[in-house]
PDB file of N, CA and C in Angstrom:
ATOM      1  N   MET A   1     -17.450  12.751   4.207  1.00  0.00           N
ATOM      2  CA  MET A   1     -17.407  11.243   4.092  1.00  0.00           C
ATOM      3  C   MET A   1     -16.631  10.706   5.225  1.00  0.00           C
ATOM      4  N   GLU A   2     -17.175   9.748   5.850  1.00  0.00           N
ATOM      5  CA  GLU A   2     -16.609   9.041   7.021  1.00  0.00           C
ATOM      6  C   GLU A   2     -15.536   7.991   6.466  1.00  0.00           C
ATOM      7  N   LEU A   3     -14.394   7.900   7.077  1.00  0.00           N
ATOM      8  CA  LEU A   3     -13.325   7.051   6.536  1.00  0.00           C
ATOM      9  C   LEU A   3     -12.667   6.423   7.783  1.00  0.00           C
ATOM     10  N   ASP A   4     -12.475   5.174   7.780  1.00  0.00           N
ATOM     11  CA  ASP A   4     -11.736   4.422   8.790  1.00  0.00           C
ATOM     12  C   ASP A   4     -10.383   4.149   8.292  1.00  0.00           C
ATOM     13  N   GLN A   5      -9.351   4.607   8.968  1.00  0.00           N
ATOM     14  CA  GLN A   5      -7.974   4.282   8.442  1.00  0.00           C
ATOM     15  C   GLN A   5      -7.294   3.451   9.508  1.00  0.00           C
ATOM     16  N   HIS A   6      -6.649   2.443   9.105  1.00  0.00           N
ATOM     17  CA  HIS A   6      -5.884   1.481  10.037  1.00  0.00           C
ATOM     18  C   HIS A   6      -4.388   1.543   9.562  1.00  0.00           C
ATOM     19  N   THR A   7      -3.585   1.523  10.577  1.00  0.00           N
ATOM     20  CA  THR A   7      -2.131   1.480  10.370  1.00  0.00           C
ATOM     21  C   THR A   7      -1.449   0.402  11.309  1.00  0.00           C
ATOM     22  N   VAL A   8      -0.604  -0.306  10.651  1.00  0.00           N
ATOM     23  CA  VAL A   8       0.255  -1.265  11.389  1.00  0.00           C
ATOM     24  C   VAL A   8       1.670  -0.875  11.124  1.00  0.00           C
ATOM     25  N   LEU A   9       2.444  -0.754  12.209  1.00  0.00           N
ATOM     26  CA  LEU A   9       3.839  -0.474  12.011  1.00  0.00           C
ATOM     27  C   LEU A   9       4.740  -1.290  12.948  1.00  0.00           C
ATOM     28  N   THR A  10       5.991  -1.274  12.581  1.00  0.00           N
ATOM     29  CA  THR A  10       7.031  -1.954  13.436  1.00  0.00           C
ATOM     30  C   THR A  10       8.004  -0.949  13.859  1.00  0.00           C
ATOM     31  N   ARG A  11       8.473  -1.099  15.058  1.00  0.00           N
ATOM     32  CA  ARG A  11       9.560  -0.277  15.554  1.00  0.00           C
ATOM     33  C   ARG A  11      10.825  -1.010  15.969  1.00  0.00           C
ATOM     34  N   GLU A  12      11.940  -0.364  15.740  1.00  0.00           N
ATOM     35  CA  GLU A  12      13.210  -1.019  16.114  1.00  0.00           C
ATOM     36  C   GLU A  12      13.460  -0.827  17.618  1.00  0.00           C
ATOM     37  N   PRO A  13      14.440  -1.515  18.205  1.00  0.00           N
ATOM     38  CA  PRO A  13      14.694  -1.381  19.603  1.00  0.00           C
ATOM     39  C   PRO A  13      14.932   0.143  19.961  1.00  0.00           C
ATOM     40  N   ASP A  14      15.464   0.999  19.153  1.00  0.00           N
ATOM     41  CA  ASP A  14      15.684   2.347  19.453  1.00  0.00           C
ATOM     42  C   ASP A  14      14.433   3.215  19.228  1.00  0.00           C
ATOM     43  N   GLY A  15      13.344   2.639  18.962  1.00  0.00           N
ATOM     44  CA  GLY A  15      11.989   3.400  18.783  1.00  0.00           C
ATOM     45  C   GLY A  15      11.808   3.859  17.356  1.00  0.00           C
ATOM     46  N   SER A  16      12.696   3.816  16.488  1.00  0.00           N
ATOM     47  CA  SER A  16      12.447   4.222  15.126  1.00  0.00           C
ATOM     48  C   SER A  16      11.548   3.298  14.346  1.00  0.00           C
ATOM     49  N   ILE A  17      10.778   3.822  13.491  1.00  0.00           N
ATOM     50  CA  ILE A  17       9.813   3.053  12.659  1.00  0.00           C
ATOM     51  C   ILE A  17      10.545   2.322  11.623  1.00  0.00           C
ATOM     52  N   SER A  18      10.358   1.018  11.466  1.00  0.00           N
ATOM     53  CA  SER A  18      11.096   0.338  10.471  1.00  0.00           C
ATOM     54  C   SER A  18      10.168  -0.183   9.343  1.00  0.00           C
ATOM     55  N   GLY A  19       8.842  -0.321   9.587  1.00  0.00           N
ATOM     56  CA  GLY A  19       7.964  -0.687   8.588  1.00  0.00           C
ATOM     57  C   GLY A  19       6.518  -0.211   8.834  1.00  0.00           C
ATOM     58  N   ILE A  20       5.824   0.109   7.728  1.00  0.00           N
ATOM     59  CA  ILE A  20       4.442   0.562   8.033  1.00  0.00           C
ATOM     60  C   ILE A  20       3.602   0.205   6.813  1.00  0.00           C
ATOM     61  N   THR A  21       2.310  -0.016   7.178  1.00  0.00           N
ATOM     62  CA  THR A  21       1.280  -0.254   6.201  1.00  0.00           C
ATOM     63  C   THR A  21      -0.048   0.357   6.613  1.00  0.00           C
ATOM     64  N   ASP A  22      -0.838   0.821   5.684  1.00  0.00           N
ATOM     65  CA  ASP A  22      -2.150   1.419   6.059  1.00  0.00           C
ATOM     66  C   ASP A  22      -3.144   1.100   5.019  1.00  0.00           C
ATOM     67  N   VAL A  23      -4.391   1.047   5.471  1.00  0.00           N
ATOM     68  CA  VAL A  23      -5.517   0.745   4.699  1.00  0.00           C
ATOM     69  C   VAL A  23      -6.623   1.664   5.014  1.00  0.00           C
ATOM     70  N   SER A  24      -7.665   1.889   4.103  1.00  0.00           N
ATOM     71  CA  SER A  24      -8.781   2.585   4.449  1.00  0.00           C
ATOM     72  C   SER A  24     -10.043   1.838   4.157  1.00  0.00           C
ATOM     73  N   PHE A  25     -11.088   2.163   4.972  1.00  0.00           N
ATOM     74  CA  PHE A  25     -12.380   1.528   4.884  1.00  0.00           C
ATOM     75  C   PHE A  25     -13.397   2.655   4.789  1.00  0.00           C
ATOM     76  N   THR A  26     -14.248   2.638   3.848  1.00  0.00           N
ATOM     77  CA  THR A  26     -15.199   3.593   3.656  1.00  0.00           C
ATOM     78  C   THR A  26     -16.598   2.930   3.854  1.00  0.00           C
ATOM     79  N   PRO A  27     -17.432   3.352   4.872  1.00  0.00           N
ATOM     80  CA  PRO A  27     -18.628   2.675   5.210  1.00  0.00           C
ATOM     81  C   PRO A  27     -19.585   2.508   4.021  1.00  0.00           C
ATOM     82  N   HIS A  28     -19.599   3.412   3.135  1.00  0.00           N
ATOM     83  CA  HIS A  28     -20.571   3.365   2.100  1.00  0.00           C
ATOM     84  C   HIS A  28     -20.177   2.246   0.942  1.00  0.00           C
ATOM     85  N   LEU A  29     -18.959   1.808   1.117  1.00  0.00           N
ATOM     86  CA  LEU A  29     -18.470   0.615   0.288  1.00  0.00           C
ATOM     87  C   LEU A  29     -17.962  -0.467   1.233  1.00  0.00           C
ATOM     88  N   PRO A  30     -18.880  -1.135   1.944  1.00  0.00           N
ATOM     89  CA  PRO A  30     -18.542  -1.997   3.132  1.00  0.00           C
ATOM     90  C   PRO A  30     -17.856  -3.289   2.691  1.00  0.00           C
ATOM     91  N   THR A  31     -17.850  -3.666   1.407  1.00  0.00           N
ATOM     92  CA  THR A  31     -17.157  -4.856   1.052  1.00  0.00           C
ATOM     93  C   THR A  31     -15.803  -4.611   0.527  1.00  0.00           C
ATOM     94  N   LEU A  32     -15.358  -3.447   0.499  1.00  0.00           N
ATOM     95  CA  LEU A  32     -14.075  -3.089  -0.138  1.00  0.00           C
ATOM     96  C   LEU A  32     -13.101  -2.379   0.790  1.00  0.00           C
ATOM     97  N   ILE A  33     -11.853  -2.832   0.845  1.00  0.00           N
ATOM     98  CA  ILE A  33     -10.835  -2.219   1.701  1.00  0.00           C
ATOM     99  C   ILE A  33      -9.714  -1.718   0.634  1.00  0.00           C
ATOM    100  N   GLU A  34      -9.264  -0.505   0.863  1.00  0.00           N
ATOM    101  CA  GLU A  34      -8.182  -0.047   0.018  1.00  0.00           C
ATOM    102  C   GLU A  34      -6.783  -0.049   0.696  1.00  0.00           C
ATOM    103  N   GLN A  35      -5.930  -0.933   0.315  1.00  0.00           N
ATOM    104  CA  GLN A  35      -4.536  -1.058   0.803  1.00  0.00           C
ATOM    105  C   GLN A  35      -3.850   0.151   0.204  1.00  0.00           C
ATOM    106  N   MET A  36      -3.277   0.947   1.032  1.00  0.00           N
ATOM    107  CA  MET A  36      -2.606   2.127   0.553  1.00  0.00           C
ATOM    108  C   MET A  36      -1.040   1.969   0.474  1.00  0.00           C
ATOM    109  N   PHE A  37      -0.398   2.462   1.512  1.00  0.00           N
ATOM    110  CA  PHE A  37       1.026   2.450   1.541  1.00  0.00           C
ATOM    111  C   PHE A  37       1.584   1.220   2.310  1.00  0.00           C
ATOM    112  N   THR A  38       2.642   0.625   1.814  1.00  0.00           N
ATOM    113  CA  THR A  38       3.406  -0.271   2.598  1.00  0.00           C
ATOM    114  C   THR A  38       4.855  -0.087   2.278  1.00  0.00           C
ATOM    115  N   GLY A  39       5.648   0.032   3.332  1.00  0.00           N
ATOM    116  CA  GLY A  39       7.119   0.336   3.135  1.00  0.00           C
ATOM    117  C   GLY A  39       7.871  -0.136   4.268  1.00  0.00           C
ATOM    118  N   VAL A  40       9.134  -0.535   4.009  1.00  0.00           N
ATOM    119  CA  VAL A  40      10.105  -1.030   4.939  1.00  0.00           C
ATOM    120  C   VAL A  40      11.368  -0.177   4.795  1.00  0.00           C
ATOM    121  N   ARG A  41      11.905   0.371   5.759  1.00  0.00           N
ATOM    122  CA  ARG A  41      13.113   1.200   5.667  1.00  0.00           C
ATOM    123  C   ARG A  41      14.220   0.242   5.071  1.00  0.00           C
ATOM    124  N   PRO A  42      15.049   0.849   4.164  1.00  0.00           N
ATOM    125  CA  PRO A  42      16.123  -0.016   3.593  1.00  0.00           C
ATOM    126  C   PRO A  42      17.019  -0.794   4.518  1.00  0.00           C
ATOM    127  N   ALA A  43      17.325  -0.159   5.672  1.00  0.00           N
ATOM    128  CA  ALA A  43      18.221  -0.874   6.655  1.00  0.00           C
ATOM    129  C   ALA A  43      17.435  -2.007   7.276  1.00  0.00           C
ATOM    130  N   ALA A  44      16.167  -2.121   7.262  1.00  0.00           N
ATOM    131  CA  ALA A  44      15.404  -3.148   7.940  1.00  0.00           C
ATOM    132  C   ALA A  44      14.903  -4.190   6.939  1.00  0.00           C
ATOM    133  N   ARG A  45      15.226  -4.014   5.731  1.00  0.00           N
ATOM    134  CA  ARG A  45      14.777  -5.089   4.754  1.00  0.00           C
ATOM    135  C   ARG A  45      15.467  -6.378   4.869  1.00  0.00           C
ATOM    136  N   GLY A  46      14.766  -7.472   4.258  1.00  0.00           N
ATOM    137  CA  GLY A  46      15.415  -8.805   4.326  1.00  0.00           C
ATOM    138  C   GLY A  46      14.992  -9.557   5.504  1.00  0.00           C
ATOM    139  N   ARG A  47      14.194  -8.965   6.414  1.00  0.00           N
ATOM    140  CA  ARG A  47      13.844  -9.674   7.692  1.00  0.00           C
ATOM    141  C   ARG A  47      12.338 -10.110   7.696  1.00  0.00           C
ATOM    142  N   GLY A  48      11.667  -9.896   6.509  1.00  0.00           N
ATOM    143  CA  GLY A  48      10.269 -10.329   6.397  1.00  0.00           C
ATOM    144  C   GLY A  48       9.309  -9.382   7.036  1.00  0.00           C
ATOM    145  N   LEU A  49       9.681  -8.118   7.280  1.00  0.00           N
ATOM    146  CA  LEU A  49       8.791  -7.194   7.909  1.00  0.00           C
ATOM    147  C   LEU A  49       7.652  -6.757   7.110  1.00  0.00           C
ATOM    148  N   GLY A  50       7.901  -6.691   5.679  1.00  0.00           N
ATOM    149  CA  GLY A  50       6.774  -6.325   4.738  1.00  0.00           C
ATOM    150  C   GLY A  50       5.714  -7.392   4.794  1.00  0.00           C
ATOM    151  N   LYS A  51       6.025  -8.646   4.718  1.00  0.00           N
ATOM    152  CA  LYS A  51       5.089  -9.787   4.852  1.00  0.00           C
ATOM    153  C   LYS A  51       4.372  -9.732   6.158  1.00  0.00           C
ATOM    154  N   TRP A  52       5.045  -9.548   7.209  1.00  0.00           N
ATOM    155  CA  TRP A  52       4.487  -9.558   8.594  1.00  0.00           C
ATOM    156  C   TRP A  52       3.491  -8.453   8.790  1.00  0.00           C
ATOM    157  N   ILE A  53       3.812  -7.253   8.376  1.00  0.00           N
ATOM    158  CA  ILE A  53       2.879  -6.132   8.623  1.00  0.00           C
ATOM    159  C   ILE A  53       1.595  -6.195   7.708  1.00  0.00           C
ATOM    160  N   LYS A  54       1.778  -6.751   6.522  1.00  0.00           N
ATOM    161  CA  LYS A  54       0.650  -6.871   5.616  1.00  0.00           C
ATOM    162  C   LYS A  54      -0.238  -8.021   6.174  1.00  0.00           C
ATOM    163  N   ALA A  55       0.324  -9.080   6.648  1.00  0.00           N
ATOM    164  CA  ALA A  55      -0.416 -10.281   7.180  1.00  0.00           C
ATOM    165  C   ALA A  55      -1.109  -9.751   8.499  1.00  0.00           C
ATOM    166  N   ALA A  56      -0.446  -8.932   9.319  1.00  0.00           N
ATOM    167  CA  ALA A  56      -1.087  -8.448  10.568  1.00  0.00           C
ATOM    168  C   ALA A  56      -2.272  -7.572  10.216  1.00  0.00           C
ATOM    169  N   MET A  57      -2.116  -6.804   9.162  1.00  0.00           N
ATOM    170  CA  MET A  57      -3.208  -5.914   8.796  1.00  0.00           C
ATOM    171  C   MET A  57      -4.373  -6.741   8.233  1.00  0.00           C
ATOM    172  N   LEU A  58      -4.159  -7.693   7.473  1.00  0.00           N
ATOM    173  CA  LEU A  58      -5.220  -8.606   6.873  1.00  0.00           C
ATOM    174  C   LEU A  58      -5.983  -9.265   8.129  1.00  0.00           C
ATOM    175  N   GLU A  59      -5.305  -9.684   9.188  1.00  0.00           N
ATOM    176  CA  GLU A  59      -5.950 -10.199  10.409  1.00  0.00           C
ATOM    177  C   GLU A  59      -6.828  -9.120  11.043  1.00  0.00           C
ATOM    178  N   LYS A  60      -6.230  -7.943  11.189  1.00  0.00           N
ATOM    179  CA  LYS A  60      -7.008  -6.868  11.769  1.00  0.00           C
ATOM    180  C   LYS A  60      -8.260  -6.558  11.054  1.00  0.00           C
ATOM    181  N   ILE A  61      -8.163  -6.392   9.700  1.00  0.00           N
ATOM    182  CA  ILE A  61      -9.304  -6.061   8.873  1.00  0.00           C
ATOM    183  C   ILE A  61     -10.416  -7.262   8.939  1.00  0.00           C
ATOM    184  N   ARG A  62     -10.016  -8.452   8.895  1.00  0.00           N
ATOM    185  CA  ARG A  62     -10.936  -9.553   9.010  1.00  0.00           C
ATOM    186  C   ARG A  62     -11.716  -9.494  10.366  1.00  0.00           C
ATOM    187  N   ALA A  63     -11.066  -9.145  11.425  1.00  0.00           N
ATOM    188  CA  ALA A  63     -11.655  -9.033  12.732  1.00  0.00           C
ATOM    189  C   ALA A  63     -12.529  -7.791  12.874  1.00  0.00           C
ATOM    190  N   GLU A  64     -12.102  -6.661  12.370  1.00  0.00           N
ATOM    191  CA  GLU A  64     -12.823  -5.416  12.495  1.00  0.00           C
ATOM    192  C   GLU A  64     -13.815  -5.111  11.358  1.00  0.00           C
ATOM    193  N   HIS A  65     -13.671  -5.649  10.190  1.00  0.00           N
ATOM    194  CA  HIS A  65     -14.564  -5.423   9.139  1.00  0.00           C
ATOM    195  C   HIS A  65     -14.962  -6.739   8.426  1.00  0.00           C
ATOM    196  N   PRO A  66     -15.659  -7.645   9.110  1.00  0.00           N
ATOM    197  CA  PRO A  66     -15.896  -8.975   8.560  1.00  0.00           C
ATOM    198  C   PRO A  66     -16.811  -8.933   7.240  1.00  0.00           C
ATOM    199  N   GLN A  67     -17.432  -7.834   6.984  1.00  0.00           N
ATOM    200  CA  GLN A  67     -18.199  -7.725   5.820  1.00  0.00           C
ATOM    201  C   GLN A  67     -17.282  -7.325   4.487  1.00  0.00           C
ATOM    202  N   ALA A  68     -16.094  -7.044   4.715  1.00  0.00           N
ATOM    203  CA  ALA A  68     -15.218  -6.777   3.661  1.00  0.00           C
ATOM    204  C   ALA A  68     -14.866  -8.022   2.852  1.00  0.00           C
ATOM    205  N   GLU A  69     -15.065  -7.986   1.539  1.00  0.00           N
ATOM    206  CA  GLU A  69     -14.894  -9.127   0.680  1.00  0.00           C
ATOM    207  C   GLU A  69     -13.596  -8.909  -0.208  1.00  0.00           C
ATOM    208  N   TRP A  70     -13.271  -7.660  -0.473  1.00  0.00           N
ATOM    209  CA  TRP A  70     -12.179  -7.379  -1.433  1.00  0.00           C
ATOM    210  C   TRP A  70     -11.242  -6.361  -0.955  1.00  0.00           C
ATOM    211  N   MET A  71      -9.887  -6.541  -1.208  1.00  0.00           N
ATOM    212  CA  MET A  71      -8.920  -5.544  -0.917  1.00  0.00           C
ATOM    213  C   MET A  71      -8.205  -5.163  -2.171  1.00  0.00           C
ATOM    214  N   ILE A  72      -8.122  -3.912  -2.383  1.00  0.00           N
ATOM    215  CA  ILE A  72      -7.425  -3.448  -3.557  1.00  0.00           C
ATOM    216  C   ILE A  72      -6.176  -2.740  -3.249  1.00  0.00           C
ATOM    217  N   THR A  73      -5.121  -2.873  -4.042  1.00  0.00           N
ATOM    218  CA  THR A  73      -3.880  -2.246  -3.868  1.00  0.00           C
ATOM    219  C   THR A  73      -3.212  -1.850  -5.217  1.00  0.00           C
ATOM    220  N   GLY A  74      -2.260  -1.017  -5.150  1.00  0.00           N
ATOM    221  CA  GLY A  74      -1.468  -0.727  -6.354  1.00  0.00           C
ATOM    222  C   GLY A  74      -0.030  -1.214  -6.120  1.00  0.00           C
ATOM    223  N   ASN A  75       0.637  -1.477  -7.184  1.00  0.00           N
ATOM    224  CA  ASN A  75       2.009  -1.980  -7.064  1.00  0.00           C
ATOM    225  C   ASN A  75       2.766  -1.576  -8.390  1.00  0.00           C
ATOM    226  N   ALA A  76       3.898  -0.957  -8.219  1.00  0.00           N
ATOM    227  CA  ALA A  76       4.694  -0.617  -9.373  1.00  0.00           C
ATOM    228  C   ALA A  76       5.370  -1.919  -9.842  1.00  0.00           C
ATOM    229  N   GLU A  77       5.465  -2.093 -11.141  1.00  0.00           N
ATOM    230  CA  GLU A  77       6.033  -3.317 -11.740  1.00  0.00           C
ATOM    231  C   GLU A  77       7.534  -3.444 -11.381  1.00  0.00           C
ATOM    232  N   SER A  78       8.113  -2.216 -10.963  1.00  0.00           N
ATOM    233  CA  SER A  78       9.609  -2.178 -10.633  1.00  0.00           C
ATOM    234  C   SER A  78       9.825  -2.606  -9.245  1.00  0.00           C
ATOM    235  N   ASN A  79       8.734  -2.767  -8.527  1.00  0.00           N
ATOM    236  CA  ASN A  79       8.900  -3.157  -7.103  1.00  0.00           C
ATOM    237  C   ASN A  79       8.761  -4.611  -6.860  1.00  0.00           C
ATOM    238  N   GLY A  80       9.792  -5.368  -7.266  1.00  0.00           N
ATOM    239  CA  GLY A  80       9.758  -6.815  -7.221  1.00  0.00           C
ATOM    240  C   GLY A  80       9.418  -7.400  -5.803  1.00  0.00           C
ATOM    241  N   PRO A  81      10.097  -6.856  -4.753  1.00  0.00           N
ATOM    242  CA  PRO A  81       9.827  -7.484  -3.396  1.00  0.00           C
ATOM    243  C   PRO A  81       8.319  -7.295  -3.003  1.00  0.00           C
ATOM    244  N   MET A  82       7.803  -6.153  -3.302  1.00  0.00           N
ATOM    245  CA  MET A  82       6.304  -5.943  -2.966  1.00  0.00           C
ATOM    246  C   MET A  82       5.311  -6.782  -3.816  1.00  0.00           C
ATOM    247  N   LEU A  83       5.774  -6.834  -5.060  1.00  0.00           N
ATOM    248  CA  LEU A  83       5.022  -7.708  -5.990  1.00  0.00           C
ATOM    249  C   LEU A  83       4.946  -9.150  -5.510  1.00  0.00           C
ATOM    250  N   SER A  84       6.099  -9.633  -5.110  1.00  0.00           N
ATOM    251  CA  SER A  84       6.161 -10.938  -4.533  1.00  0.00           C
ATOM    252  C   SER A  84       5.337 -11.212  -3.314  1.00  0.00           C
ATOM    253  N   ILE A  85       5.319 -10.283  -2.396  1.00  0.00           N
ATOM    254  CA  ILE A  85       4.486 -10.343  -1.289  1.00  0.00           C
ATOM    255  C   ILE A  85       3.031 -10.343  -1.646  1.00  0.00           C
ATOM    256  N   ASN A  86       2.658  -9.439  -2.565  1.00  0.00           N
ATOM    257  CA  ASN A  86       1.258  -9.305  -2.977  1.00  0.00           C
ATOM    258  C   ASN A  86       0.798 -10.662  -3.679  1.00  0.00           C
ATOM    259  N   HIS A  87       1.669 -11.148  -4.466  1.00  0.00           N
ATOM    260  CA  HIS A  87       1.225 -12.363  -5.205  1.00  0.00           C
ATOM    261  C   HIS A  87       1.152 -13.536  -4.097  1.00  0.00           C
ATOM    262  N   ARG A  88       2.067 -13.609  -3.214  1.00  0.00           N
ATOM    263  CA  ARG A  88       1.884 -14.676  -2.186  1.00  0.00           C
ATOM    264  C   ARG A  88       0.667 -14.521  -1.291  1.00  0.00           C
ATOM    265  N   LEU A  89       0.195 -13.305  -1.184  1.00  0.00           N
ATOM    266  CA  LEU A  89      -0.943 -12.982  -0.321  1.00  0.00           C
ATOM    267  C   LEU A  89      -2.164 -13.291  -1.147  1.00  0.00           C
ATOM    268  N   GLY A  90      -2.120 -13.462  -2.474  1.00  0.00           N
ATOM    269  CA  GLY A  90      -3.227 -13.822  -3.240  1.00  0.00           C
ATOM    270  C   GLY A  90      -3.767 -12.734  -4.192  1.00  0.00           C
ATOM    271  N   PHE A  91      -3.132 -11.478  -4.082  1.00  0.00           N
ATOM    272  CA  PHE A  91      -3.482 -10.455  -4.931  1.00  0.00           C
ATOM    273  C   PHE A  91      -3.224 -10.817  -6.465  1.00  0.00           C
ATOM    274  N   LYS A  92      -4.160 -10.508  -7.328  1.00  0.00           N
ATOM    275  CA  LYS A  92      -4.003 -10.723  -8.814  1.00  0.00           C
ATOM    276  C   LYS A  92      -4.236  -9.415  -9.502  1.00  0.00           C
ATOM    277  N   GLU A  93      -3.537  -9.207 -10.611  1.00  0.00           N
ATOM    278  CA  GLU A  93      -3.784  -8.033 -11.367  1.00  0.00           C
ATOM    279  C   GLU A  93      -5.241  -7.993 -11.891  1.00  0.00           C
ATOM    280  N   PHE A  94      -5.851  -6.808 -11.596  1.00  0.00           N
ATOM    281  CA  PHE A  94      -7.196  -6.609 -12.007  1.00  0.00           C
ATOM    282  C   PHE A  94      -7.286  -5.569 -13.082  1.00  0.00           C
ATOM    283  N   ARG A  95      -6.545  -4.498 -12.966  1.00  0.00           N
ATOM    284  CA  ARG A  95      -6.621  -3.358 -13.786  1.00  0.00           C
ATOM    285  C   ARG A  95      -5.255  -2.847 -13.845  1.00  0.00           C
ATOM    286  N   ALA A  96      -4.641  -2.650 -15.090  1.00  0.00           N
ATOM    287  CA  ALA A  96      -3.256  -2.144 -15.255  1.00  0.00           C
ATOM    288  C   ALA A  96      -3.443  -0.665 -15.601  1.00  0.00           C
ATOM    289  N   GLY A  97      -2.536   0.105 -15.199  1.00  0.00           N
ATOM    290  CA  GLY A  97      -2.477   1.541 -15.545  1.00  0.00           C
ATOM    291  C   GLY A  97      -1.120   2.044 -15.644  1.00  0.00           C
ATOM    292  N   ALA A  98      -1.003   3.318 -16.041  1.00  0.00           N
ATOM    293  CA  ALA A  98       0.281   3.932 -16.216  1.00  0.00           C
ATOM    294  C   ALA A  98       0.248   5.277 -15.550  1.00  0.00           C
ATOM    295  N   VAL A  99       1.333   5.605 -14.875  1.00  0.00           N
ATOM    296  CA  VAL A  99       1.421   6.939 -14.301  1.00  0.00           C
ATOM    297  C   VAL A  99       2.650   7.636 -14.905  1.00  0.00           C
ATOM    298  N   TYR A 100       2.454   8.838 -15.339  1.00  0.00           N
ATOM    299  CA  TYR A 100       3.492   9.661 -16.048  1.00  0.00           C
ATOM    300  C   TYR A 100       3.927  10.817 -15.185  1.00  0.00           C
ATOM    301  N   GLN A 101       5.111  11.259 -15.350  1.00  0.00           N
ATOM    302  CA  GLN A 101       5.570  12.400 -14.586  1.00  0.00           C
ATOM    303  C   GLN A 101       6.456  13.277 -15.383  1.00  0.00           C
ATOM    304  N   VAL A 102       6.326  14.574 -15.138  1.00  0.00           N
ATOM    305  CA  VAL A 102       7.058  15.623 -15.890  1.00  0.00           C
ATOM    306  C   VAL A 102       7.412  16.697 -14.868  1.00  0.00           C
ATOM    307  N   SER A 103       8.562  17.258 -14.998  1.00  0.00           N
ATOM    308  CA  SER A 103       8.903  18.382 -14.107  1.00  0.00           C
ATOM    309  C   SER A 103       8.114  19.605 -14.381  1.00  0.00           C
ATOM    310  N   ARG A 104       7.939  20.508 -13.492  1.00  0.00           N
ATOM    311  CA  ARG A 104       7.249  21.678 -13.749  1.00  0.00           C
ATOM    312  C   ARG A 104       7.926  22.519 -14.811  1.00  0.00           C
ATOM    313  N   GLU A 105       9.229  22.551 -14.698  1.00  0.00           N
ATOM    314  CA  GLU A 105      10.130  23.315 -15.716  1.00  0.00           C
ATOM    315  C   GLU A 105       9.892  22.809 -17.126  1.00  0.00           C
ATOM    316  N   ARG A 106      10.011  21.507 -17.204  1.00  0.00           N
ATOM    317  CA  ARG A 106       9.763  20.943 -18.631  1.00  0.00           C
ATOM    318  C   ARG A 106       8.400  21.128 -19.144  1.00  0.00           C
ATOM    319  N   LEU A 107       7.429  21.024 -18.197  1.00  0.00           N
ATOM    320  CA  LEU A 107       6.048  21.302 -18.648  1.00  0.00           C
ATOM    321  C   LEU A 107       5.892  22.774 -19.134  1.00  0.00           C
ATOM    322  N   ALA A 108       6.494  23.678 -18.422  1.00  0.00           N
ATOM    323  CA  ALA A 108       6.463  25.090 -18.772  1.00  0.00           C
ATOM    324  C   ALA A 108       7.154  25.345 -20.130  1.00  0.00           C
ATOM    325  N   GLU A 109       8.261  24.611 -20.391  1.00  0.00           N
ATOM    326  CA  GLU A 109       8.907  24.789 -21.699  1.00  0.00           C
ATOM    327  C   GLU A 109       7.978  24.382 -22.861  1.00  0.00           C
ATOM    328  N   VAL A 110       7.336  23.095 -22.658  1.00  0.00           N
ATOM    329  CA  VAL A 110       6.508  22.615 -23.625  1.00  0.00           C
ATOM    330  C   VAL A 110       5.301  23.521 -23.877  1.00  0.00           C
ATOM    331  N   VAL A 111       4.629  23.955 -22.880  1.00  0.00           N
ATOM    332  CA  VAL A 111       3.512  24.816 -22.945  1.00  0.00           C
ATOM    333  C   VAL A 111       3.910  26.106 -23.649  1.00  0.00           C
ATOM    334  N   ALA A 112       5.109  26.681 -23.314  1.00  0.00           N
ATOM    335  CA  ALA A 112       5.488  27.943 -23.879  1.00  0.00           C
ATOM    336  C   ALA A 112       5.828  27.783 -25.414  1.00  0.00           C
ATOM    337  N   GLY A 113       6.094  26.576 -25.828  1.00  0.00           N
ATOM    338  CA  GLY A 113       6.411  26.272 -27.219  1.00  0.00           C
ATOM    339  C   GLY A 113       5.167  26.067 -28.100  1.00  0.00           C
ATOM    340  N   LEU A 114       4.037  25.952 -27.453  1.00  0.00           N
ATOM    341  CA  LEU A 114       2.762  25.583 -28.212  1.00  0.00           C
ATOM    342  C   LEU A 114       2.243  26.830 -28.974  1.00  0.00           C
TER     343      LEU A 114
END
């Protein structure tokens, strides 16, 4: 399967990456873009980098994939800053889900007790 991945990042004066966002475009779903990861290093937060890189990515996608009509993304309810950015960009909740996690050790204990 062919996949186009686009990445936008910011660098600090020392060359270190301070923020990054990436999306994927799959040609067999031409109207859909999947927003994957967006993150800003803790030391670089509070400067609007998250908003800037997501906006830059949206401009890039509009230019390179004009047939795209929808962008999907995931967002943890506990991540207030990213929820705020996504809401201001116009993202709305479409489907809610839950992700659970368990350590391998705890899972082995439970399975052994069955």
